[in-house]
Amino acid sequence: MTAVGPFGLSVRDQALEADVQTGLAAVEAGLLDATKSDVPFITEAAQHLVLAGGKRFRPLLVMLAAQFGDPDAPGIVPSAVVVELTHLATLYHDDVMDEAVVRRGVPSANARWDNSVAVLTGDYLFSRASHILADLGPEAVRVQAEAFERLVTGQILETAGPRDGDDPVAHYLDVIAGKTGSLIAVSGRFGAMMAGADERSVDVLTQYGERLGVAFQLADDVLDIASDSHESGKTPGTDLREGIATLPVLHLRARAEQHGRPEDRELVELLEGDLSDDARHAEVLRRLRAHPALELARRDTVRYAQEARAMLAPLPEGYARAALEELCDLVVHRAG
């Protein structure tokens, strides 16, 4: 038994492990093939993040969901390539919007080239995903289109911010469900659907993916503050420095408004100041790590992971379901 996929997932059955590993290797080959162009520069830009690696969390979920039907069905690997290409395309666009300079340990495309190249490369990846999708049938196209609409809507809602009177925490969770949950939900759906699983299993794995996706993002929010290492793939406190209000910060603001404690208001004021100053940034990080708002964010992460796990109850017991359950535990462990 060896670890597969993100976080060192352990698959307890040799046949399942071999199937998942073979599938993920085929996805990797499919990603390289899909990002090739007759124009060498386009190939270089399109493969920039593919070659930088990544967790391949979405393809892994496709492979595990396919175990509830025929795991050798021909549409499984292409659908996994589609969701990963879509994810990669959003990263190119996100880095432009966030003015990021590093992604997956390498210079972001916008930093290596410029914003125009990054945006157009993201568009190119979307087009390649659509080309593959067309061969998977109209239902697959519809599912992907609906998910993409939700993903973009989530991004727009994040940019616009909550309206007057909206709960900022509830708004943020809606944003995450769209930006992250939607595509991970499609991963579960595509795996089951392409494998010919029954309708109930397809729905279960879709709902599971949605909740797991939200838990996955919330764990990243917690890690950005709580981690002393590079567990999250970026320097701790990066979101704080960039002024991104993640869940712990939103919980802090809510507590400051509701209870009006001087120490909460003072920390909010520090957060709203210039966090490019290293000393100020370190002080905010230290205080947030000891603040109840971080624990509230952890509890939200656990809640979504538990909901994801509970969704699996209708599926038959076995190694594939056990692996999906372990994914829930590993996501929570990241936020621990």
C-alpha atoms as a PDB file:
ATOM      1  CA  MET A   1       0.000   0.000   0.000  1.00  0.00           C
ATOM      2  CA  THR A   2       1.382   3.407  -1.019  1.00  0.00           C
ATOM      3  CA  ALA A   3       0.115   6.948  -0.816  1.00  0.00           C
ATOM      4  CA  VAL A   4      -1.746   8.313  -3.841  1.00  0.00           C
ATOM      5  CA  GLY A   5      -3.029  11.750  -4.641  1.00  0.00           C
ATOM      6  CA  PRO A   6      -2.950  14.751  -2.333  1.00  0.00           C
ATOM      7  CA  PHE A   7      -2.158  14.648   1.377  1.00  0.00           C
ATOM      8  CA  GLY A   8      -0.854  11.059   1.210  1.00  0.00           C
ATOM      9  CA  LEU A   9      -4.198   9.316   0.736  1.00  0.00           C
ATOM     10  CA  SER A  10      -3.767   5.624   1.519  1.00  0.00           C
ATOM     11  CA  VAL A  11      -5.686   3.191  -0.669  1.00  0.00           C
ATOM     12  CA  ARG A  12      -6.117  -0.101   1.165  1.00  0.00           C
ATOM     13  CA  ASP A  13      -6.709  -2.320  -1.847  1.00  0.00           C
ATOM     14  CA  GLN A  14      -4.019  -3.121  -4.408  1.00  0.00           C
ATOM     15  CA  ALA A  15      -6.449  -3.354  -7.313  1.00  0.00           C
ATOM     16  CA  LEU A  16      -8.008   0.029  -6.480  1.00  0.00           C
ATOM     17  CA  GLU A  17      -4.598   1.596  -5.941  1.00  0.00           C
ATOM     18  CA  ALA A  18      -3.351   0.317  -9.298  1.00  0.00           C
ATOM     19  CA  ASP A  19      -6.504   1.554 -11.026  1.00  0.00           C
ATOM     20  CA  VAL A  20      -6.230   5.042  -9.507  1.00  0.00           C
ATOM     21  CA  GLN A  21      -2.501   5.324 -10.206  1.00  0.00           C
ATOM     22  CA  THR A  22      -2.980   4.207 -13.809  1.00  0.00           C
ATOM     23  CA  GLY A  23      -5.814   6.688 -14.241  1.00  0.00           C
ATOM     24  CA  LEU A  24      -3.821   9.585 -12.800  1.00  0.00           C
ATOM     25  CA  ALA A  25      -0.854   8.754 -15.041  1.00  0.00           C
ATOM     26  CA  ALA A  26      -3.176   8.788 -18.053  1.00  0.00           C
ATOM     27  CA  VAL A  27      -4.562  12.154 -16.941  1.00  0.00           C
ATOM     28  CA  GLU A  28      -1.027  13.549 -16.723  1.00  0.00           C
ATOM     29  CA  ALA A  29      -0.323  12.402 -20.267  1.00  0.00           C
ATOM     30  CA  GLY A  30      -3.665  13.827 -21.365  1.00  0.00           C
ATOM     31  CA  LEU A  31      -2.843  17.223 -19.846  1.00  0.00           C
ATOM     32  CA  LEU A  32       0.454  17.387 -21.724  1.00  0.00           C
ATOM     33  CA  ASP A  33      -1.227  16.379 -24.968  1.00  0.00           C
ATOM     34  CA  ALA A  34      -4.054  18.888 -24.521  1.00  0.00           C
ATOM     35  CA  THR A  35      -1.627  21.752 -23.924  1.00  0.00           C
ATOM     36  CA  LYS A  36       0.464  21.173 -27.028  1.00  0.00           C
ATOM     37  CA  SER A  37       0.213  23.697 -29.828  1.00  0.00           C
ATOM     38  CA  ASP A  38       1.788  24.129 -33.242  1.00  0.00           C
ATOM     39  CA  VAL A  39       3.089  27.413 -31.830  1.00  0.00           C
ATOM     40  CA  PRO A  40       5.982  26.641 -29.434  1.00  0.00           C
ATOM     41  CA  PHE A  41       5.375  29.729 -27.289  1.00  0.00           C
ATOM     42  CA  ILE A  42       1.751  28.732 -26.679  1.00  0.00           C
ATOM     43  CA  THR A  43       2.884  25.244 -25.655  1.00  0.00           C
ATOM     44  CA  GLU A  44       5.421  26.743 -23.246  1.00  0.00           C
ATOM     45  CA  ALA A  45       2.866  29.067 -21.645  1.00  0.00           C
ATOM     46  CA  ALA A  46       0.076  26.469 -21.549  1.00  0.00           C
ATOM     47  CA  GLN A  47       2.306  23.824 -19.958  1.00  0.00           C
ATOM     48  CA  HIS A  48       3.844  26.258 -17.473  1.00  0.00           C
ATOM     49  CA  LEU A  49       1.560  25.265 -14.589  1.00  0.00           C
ATOM     50  CA  VAL A  50       1.027  21.689 -15.775  1.00  0.00           C
ATOM     51  CA  LEU A  51       4.754  21.040 -15.424  1.00  0.00           C
ATOM     52  CA  ALA A  52       4.859  22.838 -12.063  1.00  0.00           C
ATOM     53  CA  GLY A  53       2.872  19.932 -10.636  1.00  0.00           C
ATOM     54  CA  GLY A  54      -0.038  20.193  -8.235  1.00  0.00           C
ATOM     55  CA  LYS A  55      -2.201  18.001  -6.073  1.00  0.00           C
ATOM     56  CA  ARG A  56      -4.413  16.741  -8.954  1.00  0.00           C
ATOM     57  CA  PHE A  57      -7.159  16.621  -6.336  1.00  0.00           C
ATOM     58  CA  ARG A  58      -9.954  16.843  -8.907  1.00  0.00           C
ATOM     59  CA  PRO A  59      -8.693  14.023 -11.164  1.00  0.00           C
ATOM     60  CA  LEU A  60      -8.224  11.852  -8.071  1.00  0.00           C
ATOM     61  CA  LEU A  61     -11.860  12.401  -7.142  1.00  0.00           C
ATOM     62  CA  VAL A  62     -12.918  11.521 -10.700  1.00  0.00           C
ATOM     63  CA  MET A  63     -11.026   8.219 -10.438  1.00  0.00           C
ATOM     64  CA  LEU A  64     -12.508   7.331  -7.044  1.00  0.00           C
ATOM     65  CA  ALA A  65     -16.055   8.241  -8.081  1.00  0.00           C
ATOM     66  CA  ALA A  66     -15.691   6.048 -11.169  1.00  0.00           C
ATOM     67  CA  GLN A  67     -15.325   3.017  -8.888  1.00  0.00           C
ATOM     68  CA  PHE A  68     -19.093   3.053  -8.379  1.00  0.00           C
ATOM     69  CA  GLY A  69     -19.595   2.099 -12.007  1.00  0.00           C
ATOM     70  CA  ASP A  70     -17.226   0.758 -14.668  1.00  0.00           C
ATOM     71  CA  PRO A  71     -13.811   2.269 -13.805  1.00  0.00           C
ATOM     72  CA  ASP A  72     -12.485   1.337 -17.250  1.00  0.00           C
ATOM     73  CA  ALA A  73     -15.131   3.311 -19.164  1.00  0.00           C
ATOM     74  CA  PRO A  74     -13.551   5.437 -21.933  1.00  0.00           C
ATOM     75  CA  GLY A  75     -14.882   8.830 -20.801  1.00  0.00           C
ATOM     76  CA  ILE A  76     -13.331   8.817 -17.335  1.00  0.00           C
ATOM     77  CA  VAL A  77      -9.790   9.988 -18.101  1.00  0.00           C
ATOM     78  CA  PRO A  78     -10.891  12.668 -20.630  1.00  0.00           C
ATOM     79  CA  SER A  79     -13.405  14.070 -18.122  1.00  0.00           C
ATOM     80  CA  ALA A  80     -10.666  14.237 -15.485  1.00  0.00           C
ATOM     81  CA  VAL A  81      -8.468  16.111 -17.955  1.00  0.00           C
ATOM     82  CA  VAL A  82     -11.356  18.545 -18.572  1.00  0.00           C
ATOM     83  CA  VAL A  83     -11.812  19.420 -14.897  1.00  0.00           C
ATOM     84  CA  GLU A  84      -8.071  19.839 -14.317  1.00  0.00           C
ATOM     85  CA  LEU A  85      -7.650  22.010 -17.428  1.00  0.00           C
ATOM     86  CA  THR A  86     -10.547  24.153 -16.248  1.00  0.00           C
ATOM     87  CA  HIS A  87      -8.971  24.449 -12.806  1.00  0.00           C
ATOM     88  CA  LEU A  88      -5.597  25.381 -14.296  1.00  0.00           C
ATOM     89  CA  ALA A  89      -7.222  28.010 -16.523  1.00  0.00           C
ATOM     90  CA  THR A  90      -8.799  29.672 -13.490  1.00  0.00           C
ATOM     91  CA  LEU A  91      -5.385  29.811 -11.807  1.00  0.00           C
ATOM     92  CA  TYR A  92      -3.940  31.824 -14.700  1.00  0.00           C
ATOM     93  CA  HIS A  93      -6.823  34.284 -14.419  1.00  0.00           C
ATOM     94  CA  ASP A  94      -6.726  34.372 -10.588  1.00  0.00           C
ATOM     95  CA  ASP A  95      -3.042  35.254 -10.600  1.00  0.00           C
ATOM     96  CA  VAL A  96      -3.728  38.235 -12.854  1.00  0.00           C
ATOM     97  CA  MET A  97      -6.561  39.438 -10.634  1.00  0.00           C
ATOM     98  CA  ASP A  98      -4.494  38.948  -7.462  1.00  0.00           C
ATOM     99  CA  GLU A  99      -1.272  40.268  -9.024  1.00  0.00           C
ATOM    100  CA  ALA A 100       0.409  37.083  -7.781  1.00  0.00           C
ATOM    101  CA  VAL A 101       4.087  36.553  -8.521  1.00  0.00           C
ATOM    102  CA  VAL A 102       4.458  32.887  -7.525  1.00  0.00           C
ATOM    103  CA  ARG A 103       2.268  29.849  -8.196  1.00  0.00           C
ATOM    104  CA  ARG A 104       3.190  26.282  -7.215  1.00  0.00           C
ATOM    105  CA  GLY A 105       6.728  27.303  -6.424  1.00  0.00           C
ATOM    106  CA  VAL A 106       7.423  28.860  -9.830  1.00  0.00           C
ATOM    107  CA  PRO A 107       6.895  32.382 -11.178  1.00  0.00           C
ATOM    108  CA  SER A 108       3.255  32.927 -12.126  1.00  0.00           C
ATOM    109  CA  ALA A 109       2.557  33.293 -15.843  1.00  0.00           C
ATOM    110  CA  ASN A 110       1.752  36.987 -15.427  1.00  0.00           C
ATOM    111  CA  ALA A 111       5.067  37.516 -13.619  1.00  0.00           C
ATOM    112  CA  ARG A 112       7.088  35.478 -16.122  1.00  0.00           C
ATOM    113  CA  TRP A 113       5.468  37.085 -19.163  1.00  0.00           C
ATOM    114  CA  ASP A 114       2.680  39.618 -18.633  1.00  0.00           C
ATOM    115  CA  ASN A 115      -1.038  39.868 -17.823  1.00  0.00           C
ATOM    116  CA  SER A 116      -2.120  39.590 -21.458  1.00  0.00           C
ATOM    117  CA  VAL A 117      -0.223  36.334 -21.969  1.00  0.00           C
ATOM    118  CA  ALA A 118      -1.622  34.917 -18.706  1.00  0.00           C
ATOM    119  CA  VAL A 119      -5.232  35.799 -19.551  1.00  0.00           C
ATOM    120  CA  LEU A 120      -4.986  34.489 -23.108  1.00  0.00           C
ATOM    121  CA  THR A 121      -3.297  31.287 -21.942  1.00  0.00           C
ATOM    122  CA  GLY A 122      -6.128  30.719 -19.489  1.00  0.00           C
ATOM    123  CA  ASP A 123      -8.565  31.219 -22.356  1.00  0.00           C
ATOM    124  CA  TYR A 124      -6.583  28.746 -24.452  1.00  0.00           C
ATOM    125  CA  LEU A 125      -6.882  26.114 -21.702  1.00  0.00           C
ATOM    126  CA  PHE A 126     -10.640  26.700 -21.519  1.00  0.00           C
ATOM    127  CA  SER A 127     -10.857  26.159 -25.276  1.00  0.00           C
ATOM    128  CA  ARG A 128      -8.877  22.917 -25.041  1.00  0.00           C
ATOM    129  CA  ALA A 129     -11.138  21.682 -22.250  1.00  0.00           C
ATOM    130  CA  SER A 130     -14.192  22.494 -24.392  1.00  0.00           C
ATOM    131  CA  HIS A 131     -12.728  20.598 -27.334  1.00  0.00           C
ATOM    132  CA  ILE A 132     -12.350  17.437 -25.221  1.00  0.00           C
ATOM    133  CA  LEU A 133     -15.750  17.972 -23.636  1.00  0.00           C
ATOM    134  CA  ALA A 134     -17.492  18.025 -27.013  1.00  0.00           C
ATOM    135  CA  ASP A 135     -16.547  14.370 -27.506  1.00  0.00           C
ATOM    136  CA  LEU A 136     -18.093  13.404 -24.152  1.00  0.00           C
ATOM    137  CA  GLY A 137     -21.643  14.260 -25.186  1.00  0.00           C
ATOM    138  CA  PRO A 138     -24.241  17.004 -24.655  1.00  0.00           C
ATOM    139  CA  GLU A 139     -24.954  16.051 -21.031  1.00  0.00           C
ATOM    140  CA  ALA A 140     -21.298  16.489 -20.116  1.00  0.00           C
ATOM    141  CA  VAL A 141     -21.254  19.849 -21.899  1.00  0.00           C
ATOM    142  CA  ARG A 142     -24.336  20.967 -19.943  1.00  0.00           C
ATOM    143  CA  VAL A 143     -22.878  19.842 -16.592  1.00  0.00           C
ATOM    144  CA  GLN A 144     -19.603  21.655 -17.259  1.00  0.00           C
ATOM    145  CA  ALA A 145     -21.386  24.803 -18.485  1.00  0.00           C
ATOM    146  CA  GLU A 146     -23.515  24.978 -15.333  1.00  0.00           C
ATOM    147  CA  ALA A 147     -20.468  24.484 -13.116  1.00  0.00           C
ATOM    148  CA  PHE A 148     -18.513  27.118 -15.013  1.00  0.00           C
ATOM    149  CA  GLU A 149     -21.382  29.561 -14.627  1.00  0.00           C
ATOM    150  CA  ARG A 150     -21.335  28.964 -10.867  1.00  0.00           C
ATOM    151  CA  LEU A 151     -17.556  29.316 -10.749  1.00  0.00           C
ATOM    152  CA  VAL A 152     -17.612  32.672 -12.533  1.00  0.00           C
ATOM    153  CA  THR A 153     -20.593  33.838 -10.485  1.00  0.00           C
ATOM    154  CA  GLY A 154     -18.639  33.030  -7.328  1.00  0.00           C
ATOM    155  CA  GLN A 155     -15.705  35.073  -8.612  1.00  0.00           C
ATOM    156  CA  ILE A 156     -17.981  38.014  -9.441  1.00  0.00           C
ATOM    157  CA  LEU A 157     -19.653  37.852  -6.028  1.00  0.00           C
ATOM    158  CA  GLU A 158     -16.226  37.861  -4.382  1.00  0.00           C
ATOM    159  CA  THR A 159     -15.178  40.906  -6.399  1.00  0.00           C
ATOM    160  CA  ALA A 160     -18.444  42.758  -5.714  1.00  0.00           C
ATOM    161  CA  GLY A 161     -18.499  41.886  -2.016  1.00  0.00           C
ATOM    162  CA  PRO A 162     -21.585  41.436   0.171  1.00  0.00           C
ATOM    163  CA  ARG A 163     -24.484  43.836  -0.277  1.00  0.00           C
ATOM    164  CA  ASP A 164     -25.642  46.064   2.553  1.00  0.00           C
ATOM    165  CA  GLY A 165     -27.378  43.916   5.142  1.00  0.00           C
ATOM    166  CA  ASP A 166     -25.807  40.653   3.932  1.00  0.00           C
ATOM    167  CA  ASP A 167     -23.932  38.476   6.413  1.00  0.00           C
ATOM    168  CA  PRO A 168     -20.285  38.631   5.232  1.00  0.00           C
ATOM    169  CA  VAL A 169     -19.595  35.081   6.484  1.00  0.00           C
ATOM    170  CA  ALA A 170     -22.617  33.626   4.642  1.00  0.00           C
ATOM    171  CA  HIS A 171     -21.633  35.614   1.536  1.00  0.00           C
ATOM    172  CA  TYR A 172     -18.099  34.233   1.703  1.00  0.00           C
ATOM    173  CA  LEU A 173     -19.326  30.647   2.035  1.00  0.00           C
ATOM    174  CA  ASP A 174     -21.526  31.194  -1.042  1.00  0.00           C
ATOM    175  CA  VAL A 175     -18.485  32.506  -2.910  1.00  0.00           C
ATOM    176  CA  ILE A 176     -16.430  29.453  -1.965  1.00  0.00           C
ATOM    177  CA  ALA A 177     -19.229  27.066  -2.946  1.00  0.00           C
ATOM    178  CA  GLY A 178     -19.188  28.643  -6.393  1.00  0.00           C
ATOM    179  CA  LYS A 179     -15.464  29.230  -6.902  1.00  0.00           C
ATOM    180  CA  THR A 180     -14.195  25.948  -5.472  1.00  0.00           C
ATOM    181  CA  GLY A 181     -17.086  23.638  -4.603  1.00  0.00           C
ATOM    182  CA  SER A 182     -18.673  23.690  -8.058  1.00  0.00           C
ATOM    183  CA  LEU A 183     -15.722  22.205  -9.965  1.00  0.00           C
ATOM    184  CA  ILE A 184     -14.947  19.605  -7.289  1.00  0.00           C
ATOM    185  CA  ALA A 185     -18.645  18.642  -7.374  1.00  0.00           C
ATOM    186  CA  VAL A 186     -18.293  18.148 -11.148  1.00  0.00           C
ATOM    187  CA  SER A 187     -15.294  15.901 -10.522  1.00  0.00           C
ATOM    188  CA  GLY A 188     -17.459  13.553  -8.474  1.00  0.00           C
ATOM    189  CA  ARG A 189     -20.282  13.818 -10.976  1.00  0.00           C
ATOM    190  CA  PHE A 190     -18.141  13.156 -14.047  1.00  0.00           C
ATOM    191  CA  GLY A 191     -16.411  10.160 -12.482  1.00  0.00           C
ATOM    192  CA  ALA A 192     -19.697   8.480 -11.581  1.00  0.00           C
ATOM    193  CA  MET A 193     -21.530   9.587 -14.729  1.00  0.00           C
ATOM    194  CA  MET A 194     -18.830   8.494 -17.167  1.00  0.00           C
ATOM    195  CA  ALA A 195     -18.553   5.145 -15.373  1.00  0.00           C
ATOM    196  CA  GLY A 196     -22.288   4.550 -15.840  1.00  0.00           C
ATOM    197  CA  ALA A 197     -23.128   4.610 -12.130  1.00  0.00           C
ATOM    198  CA  ASP A 198     -26.799   4.761 -11.170  1.00  0.00           C
ATOM    199  CA  GLU A 199     -28.475   8.158 -10.837  1.00  0.00           C
ATOM    200  CA  ARG A 200     -28.532   8.079  -7.049  1.00  0.00           C
ATOM    201  CA  SER A 201     -24.789   7.444  -6.844  1.00  0.00           C
ATOM    202  CA  VAL A 202     -24.113  10.251  -9.318  1.00  0.00           C
ATOM    203  CA  ASP A 203     -26.130  12.655  -7.163  1.00  0.00           C
ATOM    204  CA  VAL A 204     -24.462  11.470  -3.930  1.00  0.00           C
ATOM    205  CA  LEU A 205     -20.971  11.945  -5.338  1.00  0.00           C
ATOM    206  CA  THR A 206     -21.871  15.375  -6.714  1.00  0.00           C
ATOM    207  CA  GLN A 207     -23.146  16.560  -3.334  1.00  0.00           C
ATOM    208  CA  TYR A 208     -20.138  15.013  -1.622  1.00  0.00           C
ATOM    209  CA  GLY A 209     -17.760  16.858  -3.938  1.00  0.00           C
ATOM    210  CA  GLU A 210     -19.485  20.189  -3.322  1.00  0.00           C
ATOM    211  CA  ARG A 211     -19.097  19.952   0.450  1.00  0.00           C
ATOM    212  CA  LEU A 212     -15.591  18.530   0.278  1.00  0.00           C
ATOM    213  CA  GLY A 213     -14.606  21.396  -2.013  1.00  0.00           C
ATOM    214  CA  VAL A 214     -15.783  23.997   0.479  1.00  0.00           C
ATOM    215  CA  ALA A 215     -13.975  22.186   3.316  1.00  0.00           C
ATOM    216  CA  PHE A 216     -10.839  22.039   1.151  1.00  0.00           C
ATOM    217  CA  GLN A 217     -10.827  25.819   0.638  1.00  0.00           C
ATOM    218  CA  LEU A 218     -11.636  26.594   4.266  1.00  0.00           C
ATOM    219  CA  ALA A 219      -8.735  24.380   5.342  1.00  0.00           C
ATOM    220  CA  ASP A 220      -6.499  26.535   3.142  1.00  0.00           C
ATOM    221  CA  ASP A 221      -7.871  29.638   4.904  1.00  0.00           C
ATOM    222  CA  VAL A 222      -6.945  28.183   8.281  1.00  0.00           C
ATOM    223  CA  LEU A 223      -3.533  27.032   7.051  1.00  0.00           C
ATOM    224  CA  ASP A 224      -2.702  30.504   5.763  1.00  0.00           C
ATOM    225  CA  ILE A 225      -2.790  31.701   9.359  1.00  0.00           C
ATOM    226  CA  ALA A 226      -2.032  28.634  11.464  1.00  0.00           C
ATOM    227  CA  SER A 227       0.826  27.039   9.526  1.00  0.00           C
ATOM    228  CA  ASP A 228       4.440  27.736  10.430  1.00  0.00           C
ATOM    229  CA  SER A 229       5.642  25.903   7.336  1.00  0.00           C
ATOM    230  CA  HIS A 230       4.706  25.824   3.675  1.00  0.00           C
ATOM    231  CA  GLU A 231       1.962  23.228   4.080  1.00  0.00           C
ATOM    232  CA  SER A 232      -0.458  25.370   2.112  1.00  0.00           C
ATOM    233  CA  GLY A 233       1.999  25.805  -0.759  1.00  0.00           C
ATOM    234  CA  LYS A 234       2.600  29.453   0.059  1.00  0.00           C
ATOM    235  CA  THR A 235       4.150  31.542   2.820  1.00  0.00           C
ATOM    236  CA  PRO A 236       1.877  31.727   5.900  1.00  0.00           C
ATOM    237  CA  GLY A 237      -0.017  34.995   6.075  1.00  0.00           C
ATOM    238  CA  THR A 238       0.013  35.520   2.302  1.00  0.00           C
ATOM    239  CA  ASP A 239      -3.745  36.158   2.162  1.00  0.00           C
ATOM    240  CA  LEU A 240      -3.430  38.618   5.047  1.00  0.00           C
ATOM    241  CA  ARG A 241      -0.649  40.534   3.321  1.00  0.00           C
ATOM    242  CA  GLU A 242      -2.662  40.675   0.095  1.00  0.00           C
ATOM    243  CA  GLY A 243      -5.717  42.014   1.929  1.00  0.00           C
ATOM    244  CA  ILE A 244      -7.867  38.949   1.213  1.00  0.00           C
ATOM    245  CA  ALA A 245     -10.567  38.586   3.865  1.00  0.00           C
ATOM    246  CA  THR A 246     -10.692  34.827   4.440  1.00  0.00           C
ATOM    247  CA  LEU A 247     -12.990  33.102   6.925  1.00  0.00           C
ATOM    248  CA  PRO A 248     -10.926  33.652  10.119  1.00  0.00           C
ATOM    249  CA  VAL A 249     -10.749  37.383   9.360  1.00  0.00           C
ATOM    250  CA  LEU A 250     -14.493  37.541   8.692  1.00  0.00           C
ATOM    251  CA  HIS A 251     -15.201  35.774  11.989  1.00  0.00           C
ATOM    252  CA  LEU A 252     -12.924  38.263  13.746  1.00  0.00           C
ATOM    253  CA  ARG A 253     -14.774  41.229  12.229  1.00  0.00           C
ATOM    254  CA  ALA A 254     -18.133  39.722  13.174  1.00  0.00           C
ATOM    255  CA  ARG A 255     -17.023  39.281  16.789  1.00  0.00           C
ATOM    256  CA  ALA A 256     -15.689  42.839  16.893  1.00  0.00           C
ATOM    257  CA  GLU A 257     -19.046  44.173  15.673  1.00  0.00           C
ATOM    258  CA  GLN A 258     -21.181  41.951  17.911  1.00  0.00           C
ATOM    259  CA  HIS A 259     -19.217  42.171  21.157  1.00  0.00           C
ATOM    260  CA  GLY A 260     -17.145  45.299  20.728  1.00  0.00           C
ATOM    261  CA  ARG A 261     -14.209  44.012  22.767  1.00  0.00           C
ATOM    262  CA  PRO A 262     -11.300  46.485  22.640  1.00  0.00           C
ATOM    263  CA  GLU A 263      -8.773  43.746  21.756  1.00  0.00           C
ATOM    264  CA  ASP A 264     -10.932  42.622  18.820  1.00  0.00           C
ATOM    265  CA  ARG A 265     -11.345  46.157  17.508  1.00  0.00           C
ATOM    266  CA  GLU A 266      -7.619  46.772  17.874  1.00  0.00           C
ATOM    267  CA  LEU A 267      -6.796  43.633  15.875  1.00  0.00           C
ATOM    268  CA  VAL A 268      -9.258  44.660  13.153  1.00  0.00           C
ATOM    269  CA  GLU A 269      -7.539  48.062  12.947  1.00  0.00           C
ATOM    270  CA  LEU A 270      -4.170  46.356  12.641  1.00  0.00           C
ATOM    271  CA  LEU A 271      -5.542  44.177   9.833  1.00  0.00           C
ATOM    272  CA  GLU A 272      -6.803  47.202   7.959  1.00  0.00           C
ATOM    273  CA  GLY A 273      -3.396  48.876   8.134  1.00  0.00           C
ATOM    274  CA  ASP A 274      -0.332  48.393   5.956  1.00  0.00           C
ATOM    275  CA  LEU A 275       0.584  44.714   6.228  1.00  0.00           C
ATOM    276  CA  SER A 276       3.500  45.093   3.861  1.00  0.00           C
ATOM    277  CA  ASP A 277       5.338  46.077   7.036  1.00  0.00           C
ATOM    278  CA  ASP A 278       6.912  42.824   8.254  1.00  0.00           C
ATOM    279  CA  ALA A 279       6.659  43.644  11.953  1.00  0.00           C
ATOM    280  CA  ARG A 280       2.990  44.605  11.707  1.00  0.00           C
ATOM    281  CA  HIS A 281       2.256  41.518   9.607  1.00  0.00           C
ATOM    282  CA  ALA A 282       3.970  39.239  12.148  1.00  0.00           C
ATOM    283  CA  GLU A 283       2.017  40.835  15.007  1.00  0.00           C
ATOM    284  CA  VAL A 284      -1.324  40.340  13.247  1.00  0.00           C
ATOM    285  CA  LEU A 285      -0.430  36.730  12.449  1.00  0.00           C
ATOM    286  CA  ARG A 286       0.562  36.056  16.071  1.00  0.00           C
ATOM    287  CA  ARG A 287      -2.658  37.506  17.449  1.00  0.00           C
ATOM    288  CA  LEU A 288      -4.893  35.752  14.946  1.00  0.00           C
ATOM    289  CA  ARG A 289      -3.323  32.390  15.756  1.00  0.00           C
ATOM    290  CA  ALA A 290      -4.405  32.837  19.377  1.00  0.00           C
ATOM    291  CA  HIS A 291      -7.826  34.303  18.581  1.00  0.00           C
ATOM    292  CA  PRO A 292     -11.140  32.373  18.843  1.00  0.00           C
ATOM    293  CA  ALA A 293     -11.917  33.403  15.241  1.00  0.00           C
ATOM    294  CA  LEU A 294      -9.377  30.849  14.005  1.00  0.00           C
ATOM    295  CA  GLU A 295     -11.080  28.080  15.982  1.00  0.00           C
ATOM    296  CA  LEU A 296     -14.460  29.126  14.544  1.00  0.00           C
ATOM    297  CA  ALA A 297     -13.021  28.755  11.046  1.00  0.00           C
ATOM    298  CA  ARG A 298     -11.668  25.313  11.974  1.00  0.00           C
ATOM    299  CA  ARG A 299     -15.125  24.284  13.168  1.00  0.00           C
ATOM    300  CA  ASP A 300     -16.649  25.402   9.870  1.00  0.00           C
ATOM    301  CA  THR A 301     -14.056  23.308   8.024  1.00  0.00           C
ATOM    302  CA  VAL A 302     -14.895  20.268  10.149  1.00  0.00           C
ATOM    303  CA  ARG A 303     -18.620  20.822   9.641  1.00  0.00           C
ATOM    304  CA  TYR A 304     -18.365  20.810   5.853  1.00  0.00           C
ATOM    305  CA  ALA A 305     -16.068  17.770   5.888  1.00  0.00           C
ATOM    306  CA  GLN A 306     -18.503  15.925   8.159  1.00  0.00           C
ATOM    307  CA  GLU A 307     -21.376  16.818   5.831  1.00  0.00           C
ATOM    308  CA  ALA A 308     -19.361  15.464   2.902  1.00  0.00           C
ATOM    309  CA  ARG A 309     -18.684  12.233   4.770  1.00  0.00           C
ATOM    310  CA  ALA A 310     -22.355  11.850   5.723  1.00  0.00           C
ATOM    311  CA  MET A 311     -23.361  12.190   2.069  1.00  0.00           C
ATOM    312  CA  LEU A 312     -21.540   8.910   1.333  1.00  0.00           C
ATOM    313  CA  ALA A 313     -23.873   6.824   3.519  1.00  0.00           C
ATOM    314  CA  PRO A 314     -26.055   5.558   0.612  1.00  0.00           C
ATOM    315  CA  LEU A 315     -23.033   4.210  -1.292  1.00  0.00           C
ATOM    316  CA  PRO A 316     -22.002   0.574  -0.865  1.00  0.00           C
ATOM    317  CA  GLU A 317     -19.257   0.001   1.678  1.00  0.00           C
ATOM    318  CA  GLY A 318     -15.876  -0.902   0.273  1.00  0.00           C
ATOM    319  CA  TYR A 319     -12.387   0.377  -0.443  1.00  0.00           C
ATOM    320  CA  ALA A 320     -13.532   3.194  -2.740  1.00  0.00           C
ATOM    321  CA  ARG A 321     -15.963   4.596  -0.180  1.00  0.00           C
ATOM    322  CA  ALA A 322     -13.312   4.246   2.540  1.00  0.00           C
ATOM    323  CA  ALA A 323     -10.890   6.285   0.414  1.00  0.00           C
ATOM    324  CA  LEU A 324     -13.502   9.025  -0.057  1.00  0.00           C
ATOM    325  CA  GLU A 325     -14.123   9.053   3.697  1.00  0.00           C
ATOM    326  CA  GLU A 326     -10.392   9.327   4.328  1.00  0.00           C
ATOM    327  CA  LEU A 327     -10.247  12.367   2.053  1.00  0.00           C
ATOM    328  CA  CYS A 328     -12.653  14.097   4.465  1.00  0.00           C
ATOM    329  CA  ASP A 329     -10.399  13.245   7.404  1.00  0.00           C
ATOM    330  CA  LEU A 330      -7.280  14.430   5.588  1.00  0.00           C
ATOM    331  CA  VAL A 331      -8.854  17.758   4.677  1.00  0.00           C
ATOM    332  CA  VAL A 332      -9.768  18.311   8.330  1.00  0.00           C
ATOM    333  CA  HIS A 333      -6.274  17.241   9.408  1.00  0.00           C
ATOM    334  CA  ARG A 334      -4.785  19.984   7.233  1.00  0.00           C
ATOM    335  CA  ALA A 335      -6.764  22.547   9.222  1.00  0.00           C
ATOM    336  CA  GLY A 336      -5.831  20.976  12.567  1.00  0.00           C
END
